[in-house]
């Protein structure tokens, strides 16, 4: 009797890629001080989570795919609010470097 084929042959590589993307996003958030790069790293982390949800949906069913829609909704709201904040900071300081931003200064 031949060995059984794996149920989800791409689950491991997809979760590995998701972990690498999430790690790159976390490293970018911790190491960079530019608001736009920080914003892109947060989006990268959200997309890594989406990839993990889709990969796990192979085993769990449509629950992971439904969660992706919720994460995409949060990402869209974060994009709108985040870009508005970045534009306001740029108009006030003429820079998007977060080390020079002191919004609580009177």
C-alpha atoms as a PDB file:
ATOM      1  CA  UNK A   1       0.000   0.000   0.000  1.00  0.00           C
ATOM      2  CA  UNK A   2       1.517   3.367  -1.024  1.00  0.00           C
ATOM      3  CA  UNK A   3       1.968   6.070   1.605  1.00  0.00           C
ATOM      4  CA  UNK A   4      -0.913   8.495   1.967  1.00  0.00           C
ATOM      5  CA  UNK A   5      -0.527  11.910   0.406  1.00  0.00           C
ATOM      6  CA  UNK A   6      -0.324  14.793   2.873  1.00  0.00           C
ATOM      7  CA  UNK A   7      -3.578  16.628   3.423  1.00  0.00           C
ATOM      8  CA  UNK A   8      -2.126  20.111   2.942  1.00  0.00           C
ATOM      9  CA  UNK A   9       1.282  19.883   1.242  1.00  0.00           C
ATOM     10  CA  UNK A  10       1.760  23.651   1.143  1.00  0.00           C
ATOM     11  CA  UNK A  11       0.780  24.318   4.760  1.00  0.00           C
ATOM     12  CA  UNK A  12       4.339  24.225   6.101  1.00  0.00           C
ATOM     13  CA  UNK A  13       5.902  26.496   3.469  1.00  0.00           C
ATOM     14  CA  UNK A  14       2.989  28.931   3.655  1.00  0.00           C
ATOM     15  CA  UNK A  15       3.248  29.192   7.436  1.00  0.00           C
ATOM     16  CA  UNK A  16       7.027  29.535   7.150  1.00  0.00           C
ATOM     17  CA  UNK A  17       6.682  32.370   4.647  1.00  0.00           C
ATOM     18  CA  UNK A  18       4.069  33.974   6.869  1.00  0.00           C
ATOM     19  CA  UNK A  19       6.448  33.801   9.842  1.00  0.00           C
ATOM     20  CA  UNK A  20       9.288  35.335   7.807  1.00  0.00           C
ATOM     21  CA  UNK A  21       7.067  38.181   6.572  1.00  0.00           C
ATOM     22  CA  UNK A  22       5.760  38.844  10.075  1.00  0.00           C
ATOM     23  CA  UNK A  23       9.296  38.867  11.466  1.00  0.00           C
ATOM     24  CA  UNK A  24      10.397  41.344   8.785  1.00  0.00           C
ATOM     25  CA  UNK A  25       7.450  43.561   9.691  1.00  0.00           C
ATOM     26  CA  UNK A  26       8.268  43.459  13.406  1.00  0.00           C
ATOM     27  CA  UNK A  27      11.933  44.215  12.684  1.00  0.00           C
ATOM     28  CA  UNK A  28      10.900  47.166  10.530  1.00  0.00           C
ATOM     29  CA  UNK A  29       8.616  48.531  13.242  1.00  0.00           C
ATOM     30  CA  UNK A  30      11.332  48.235  15.866  1.00  0.00           C
ATOM     31  CA  UNK A  31      14.249  49.532  13.803  1.00  0.00           C
ATOM     32  CA  UNK A  32      12.871  52.244  11.514  1.00  0.00           C
ATOM     33  CA  UNK A  33      11.788  55.746  12.490  1.00  0.00           C
ATOM     34  CA  UNK A  34      10.206  56.904   9.246  1.00  0.00           C
ATOM     35  CA  UNK A  35       6.415  56.997   9.578  1.00  0.00           C
ATOM     36  CA  UNK A  36       5.796  55.731   6.046  1.00  0.00           C
ATOM     37  CA  UNK A  37       8.161  52.764   6.469  1.00  0.00           C
ATOM     38  CA  UNK A  38       6.568  52.022   9.842  1.00  0.00           C
ATOM     39  CA  UNK A  39       3.151  52.109   8.195  1.00  0.00           C
ATOM     40  CA  UNK A  40       4.287  49.699   5.445  1.00  0.00           C
ATOM     41  CA  UNK A  41       5.740  47.313   8.047  1.00  0.00           C
ATOM     42  CA  UNK A  42       2.423  47.199   9.898  1.00  0.00           C
ATOM     43  CA  UNK A  43       0.686  46.401   6.617  1.00  0.00           C
ATOM     44  CA  UNK A  44       3.272  43.661   5.996  1.00  0.00           C
ATOM     45  CA  UNK A  45       2.460  42.123   9.375  1.00  0.00           C
ATOM     46  CA  UNK A  46      -1.272  42.199   8.637  1.00  0.00           C
ATOM     47  CA  UNK A  47      -0.692  40.518   5.269  1.00  0.00           C
ATOM     48  CA  UNK A  48       1.461  37.854   6.943  1.00  0.00           C
ATOM     49  CA  UNK A  49      -1.420  37.070   9.284  1.00  0.00           C
ATOM     50  CA  UNK A  50      -3.768  36.896   6.288  1.00  0.00           C
ATOM     51  CA  UNK A  51      -1.439  34.389   4.623  1.00  0.00           C
ATOM     52  CA  UNK A  52      -1.433  32.272   7.779  1.00  0.00           C
ATOM     53  CA  UNK A  53      -5.237  32.365   7.960  1.00  0.00           C
ATOM     54  CA  UNK A  54      -5.568  31.300   4.325  1.00  0.00           C
ATOM     55  CA  UNK A  55      -3.002  28.514   4.797  1.00  0.00           C
ATOM     56  CA  UNK A  56      -4.815  27.205   7.860  1.00  0.00           C
ATOM     57  CA  UNK A  57      -8.151  27.444   6.051  1.00  0.00           C
ATOM     58  CA  UNK A  58      -7.016  24.408   4.038  1.00  0.00           C
ATOM     59  CA  UNK A  59      -7.454  22.355   7.209  1.00  0.00           C
ATOM     60  CA  UNK A  60     -10.104  24.243   9.139  1.00  0.00           C
ATOM     61  CA  UNK A  61     -12.523  25.269   6.407  1.00  0.00           C
ATOM     62  CA  UNK A  62     -13.898  28.686   5.597  1.00  0.00           C
ATOM     63  CA  UNK A  63     -13.320  30.107   9.098  1.00  0.00           C
ATOM     64  CA  UNK A  64      -9.858  31.310   8.135  1.00  0.00           C
ATOM     65  CA  UNK A  65     -11.150  32.923   4.970  1.00  0.00           C
ATOM     66  CA  UNK A  66     -13.827  34.769   6.921  1.00  0.00           C
ATOM     67  CA  UNK A  67     -11.181  36.048   9.346  1.00  0.00           C
ATOM     68  CA  UNK A  68      -9.198  37.375   6.372  1.00  0.00           C
ATOM     69  CA  UNK A  69     -12.121  39.632   5.454  1.00  0.00           C
ATOM     70  CA  UNK A  70     -12.158  41.047   8.993  1.00  0.00           C
ATOM     71  CA  UNK A  71      -8.390  41.623   8.929  1.00  0.00           C
ATOM     72  CA  UNK A  72      -8.696  43.307   5.517  1.00  0.00           C
ATOM     73  CA  UNK A  73     -11.394  45.600   6.919  1.00  0.00           C
ATOM     74  CA  UNK A  74      -9.167  46.557   9.842  1.00  0.00           C
ATOM     75  CA  UNK A  75      -6.242  47.103   7.444  1.00  0.00           C
ATOM     76  CA  UNK A  76      -8.335  49.393   5.242  1.00  0.00           C
ATOM     77  CA  UNK A  77      -9.454  51.454   8.241  1.00  0.00           C
ATOM     78  CA  UNK A  78      -5.869  51.567   9.504  1.00  0.00           C
ATOM     79  CA  UNK A  79      -4.684  52.732   6.095  1.00  0.00           C
ATOM     80  CA  UNK A  80      -7.192  55.583   5.976  1.00  0.00           C
ATOM     81  CA  UNK A  81      -6.559  56.801   9.514  1.00  0.00           C
ATOM     82  CA  UNK A  82      -2.807  56.191   9.356  1.00  0.00           C
ATOM     83  CA  UNK A  83      -2.334  58.122   6.130  1.00  0.00           C
ATOM     84  CA  UNK A  84      -4.399  61.006   7.486  1.00  0.00           C
ATOM     85  CA  UNK A  85      -2.202  61.148  10.598  1.00  0.00           C
ATOM     86  CA  UNK A  86       0.981  60.949   8.518  1.00  0.00           C
ATOM     87  CA  UNK A  87      -0.236  63.814   6.309  1.00  0.00           C
ATOM     88  CA  UNK A  88      -1.082  65.914   9.361  1.00  0.00           C
ATOM     89  CA  UNK A  89       2.369  65.276  10.856  1.00  0.00           C
ATOM     90  CA  UNK A  90       4.039  66.160   7.556  1.00  0.00           C
ATOM     91  CA  UNK A  91       2.091  69.398   7.209  1.00  0.00           C
ATOM     92  CA  UNK A  92       3.037  70.392  10.751  1.00  0.00           C
ATOM     93  CA  UNK A  93       6.728  69.360  10.765  1.00  0.00           C
ATOM     94  CA  UNK A  94       7.659  69.097   7.062  1.00  0.00           C
ATOM     95  CA  UNK A  95       9.087  65.662   7.913  1.00  0.00           C
ATOM     96  CA  UNK A  96       7.777  62.175   8.586  1.00  0.00           C
ATOM     97  CA  UNK A  97      10.707  61.204  10.816  1.00  0.00           C
ATOM     98  CA  UNK A  98       9.149  60.065  14.079  1.00  0.00           C
ATOM     99  CA  UNK A  99      12.146  61.025  16.238  1.00  0.00           C
ATOM    100  CA  UNK A 100      11.477  64.695  15.521  1.00  0.00           C
ATOM    101  CA  UNK A 101       7.762  64.507  16.286  1.00  0.00           C
ATOM    102  CA  UNK A 102       6.599  65.893  19.633  1.00  0.00           C
ATOM    103  CA  UNK A 103       2.843  66.317  19.363  1.00  0.00           C
ATOM    104  CA  UNK A 104       2.372  67.004  23.074  1.00  0.00           C
ATOM    105  CA  UNK A 105       4.609  70.065  22.963  1.00  0.00           C
ATOM    106  CA  UNK A 106       2.486  73.210  23.420  1.00  0.00           C
END
